[in-house]
């Protein structure tokens, strides 16, 4: 059974940091572009950051550039999202995603996804 399982969400104060992890089971991530999406209450799901399967190409939404970093460890079949300088507007459910395509821009901006994780809540509040 193909699964993506996120972890690492929680409650953090503004300015704080969190690291999200996404572990895959039932398939290997090597040939998939991977990404993180988020959905806040009353808003559409949006692509936060995506990384290609092979050449390290990345995409970041303008709202998170310079604060978030996506990385992948194919040996561990895991993708990470390091989130620094968190703001209240970063509050959302964060979803891990996998896509069998090469264009990370398309994956993140057009939400082209083959597999979704179940999501993990991130709340930024004092």
Protein backbone atom coordinates (compact mmCIF):
# COMPACT_ATOMS: atom_id res chain seq x y z
CA UNK A 1 0.00 0.00 0.00
CA UNK A 2 1.41 3.37 -1.03
CA UNK A 3 1.55 5.84 1.84
CA UNK A 4 3.00 9.22 2.71
CA UNK A 5 3.04 9.94 6.44
CA UNK A 6 3.78 13.42 7.75
CA UNK A 7 5.07 14.27 11.21
CA UNK A 8 6.54 17.24 13.04
CA UNK A 9 3.61 19.61 13.14
CA UNK A 10 2.50 21.39 16.29
CA UNK A 11 2.07 24.69 18.07
CA UNK A 12 4.90 27.22 17.88
CA UNK A 13 5.27 30.89 18.75
CA UNK A 14 5.81 33.50 16.04
CA UNK A 15 9.47 33.57 15.05
CA UNK A 16 9.93 29.92 15.99
CA UNK A 17 10.89 26.91 13.88
CA UNK A 18 9.52 23.50 13.01
CA UNK A 19 10.75 20.69 10.82
CA UNK A 20 8.19 18.57 9.02
CA UNK A 21 9.04 15.08 7.85
CA UNK A 22 7.31 12.92 5.26
CA UNK A 23 8.10 9.22 5.17
CA UNK A 24 7.07 7.12 2.21
CA UNK A 25 6.15 3.46 2.35
CA UNK A 26 5.11 1.06 -0.36
CA UNK A 27 7.19 2.85 -3.01
CA UNK A 28 10.52 4.60 -3.38
CA UNK A 29 10.73 8.36 -3.78
CA UNK A 30 13.72 8.30 -6.14
CA UNK A 31 11.71 8.90 -9.30
CA UNK A 32 9.15 11.28 -7.86
CA UNK A 33 9.11 15.01 -7.48
CA UNK A 34 8.10 15.76 -3.90
CA UNK A 35 6.32 18.72 -2.42
CA UNK A 36 4.65 20.35 0.53
CA UNK A 37 1.26 21.99 0.25
CA UNK A 38 -0.83 23.74 2.87
CA UNK A 39 -4.45 24.59 3.41
CA UNK A 40 -5.71 27.17 5.87
CA UNK A 41 -9.37 27.31 6.95
CA UNK A 42 -11.51 28.84 4.22
CA UNK A 43 -8.65 28.92 1.72
CA UNK A 44 -7.60 26.77 -1.21
CA UNK A 45 -4.73 24.34 -0.93
CA UNK A 46 -1.53 25.96 -2.14
CA UNK A 47 1.89 24.70 -3.09
CA UNK A 48 4.51 25.77 -0.56
CA UNK A 49 7.64 24.10 -1.87
CA UNK A 50 8.56 21.33 -4.30
CA UNK A 51 11.80 19.52 -5.16
CA UNK A 52 12.65 17.52 -8.26
CA UNK A 53 13.50 13.84 -8.25
CA UNK A 54 17.03 14.12 -9.58
CA UNK A 55 18.62 17.51 -10.31
CA UNK A 56 17.74 19.26 -7.07
CA UNK A 57 15.57 21.87 -8.74
CA UNK A 58 13.31 23.55 -6.19
CA UNK A 59 10.30 25.83 -6.11
CA UNK A 60 9.20 28.03 -3.23
CA UNK A 61 6.09 30.12 -2.91
CA UNK A 62 6.93 33.81 -2.56
CA UNK A 63 5.41 33.86 0.92
CA UNK A 64 7.98 31.37 2.27
CA UNK A 65 11.14 32.20 0.29
CA UNK A 66 14.10 32.70 2.59
CA UNK A 67 12.31 31.09 5.54
CA UNK A 68 11.50 27.52 4.44
CA UNK A 69 13.86 24.90 3.04
CA UNK A 70 12.83 21.66 1.37
CA UNK A 71 15.17 18.68 1.28
CA UNK A 72 14.99 15.00 0.51
CA UNK A 73 16.91 11.94 1.64
CA UNK A 74 16.22 9.19 -0.89
CA UNK A 75 18.17 6.67 1.17
CA UNK A 76 15.69 7.20 4.00
CA UNK A 77 12.74 7.59 1.63
CA UNK A 78 11.93 10.82 3.42
CA UNK A 79 11.32 14.47 2.54
CA UNK A 80 11.67 17.38 4.95
CA UNK A 81 10.46 20.94 5.25
CA UNK A 82 12.48 23.15 7.58
CA UNK A 83 10.36 26.14 8.56
CA UNK A 84 12.04 29.10 10.25
CA UNK A 85 10.80 32.54 11.27
CA UNK A 86 7.27 31.25 11.37
CA UNK A 87 4.39 33.72 11.15
CA UNK A 88 0.74 33.40 12.20
CA UNK A 89 -0.21 33.35 8.51
CA UNK A 90 1.74 30.09 8.14
CA UNK A 91 -0.93 28.38 10.23
CA UNK A 92 -2.46 25.58 8.15
CA UNK A 93 -2.65 21.86 7.61
CA UNK A 94 0.50 20.87 5.75
CA UNK A 95 0.36 18.01 3.25
CA UNK A 96 3.17 16.02 1.72
CA UNK A 97 2.76 15.08 -1.93
CA UNK A 98 4.46 13.03 -4.63
CA UNK A 99 4.23 13.49 -8.38
CA UNK A 100 5.63 11.46 -11.25
CA UNK A 101 6.81 14.44 -13.28
CA UNK A 102 9.90 16.54 -13.69
CA UNK A 103 8.60 20.09 -13.47
CA UNK A 104 8.48 21.25 -9.86
CA UNK A 105 6.95 24.58 -10.92
CA UNK A 106 3.99 22.74 -12.44
CA UNK A 107 3.66 20.45 -9.45
CA UNK A 108 3.50 23.27 -6.96
CA UNK A 109 1.66 25.95 -8.95
CA UNK A 110 -0.85 23.67 -10.69
CA UNK A 111 -1.17 21.12 -7.88
CA UNK A 112 -0.29 18.17 -10.11
CA UNK A 113 -0.02 15.36 -7.57
CA UNK A 114 -0.23 11.57 -7.70
CA UNK A 115 -0.14 10.81 -3.97
CA UNK A 116 -1.10 12.80 -0.87
CA UNK A 117 -0.27 12.39 2.78
CA UNK A 118 -2.93 12.78 5.46
CA UNK A 119 -1.69 16.17 6.64
CA UNK A 120 -0.21 17.60 9.82
CA UNK A 121 -1.41 20.71 11.64
CA UNK A 122 0.93 23.66 12.08
CA UNK A 123 -0.28 26.46 14.35
CA UNK A 124 1.72 29.63 14.84
CA UNK A 125 0.39 31.61 17.75
CA UNK A 126 1.51 33.39 20.90
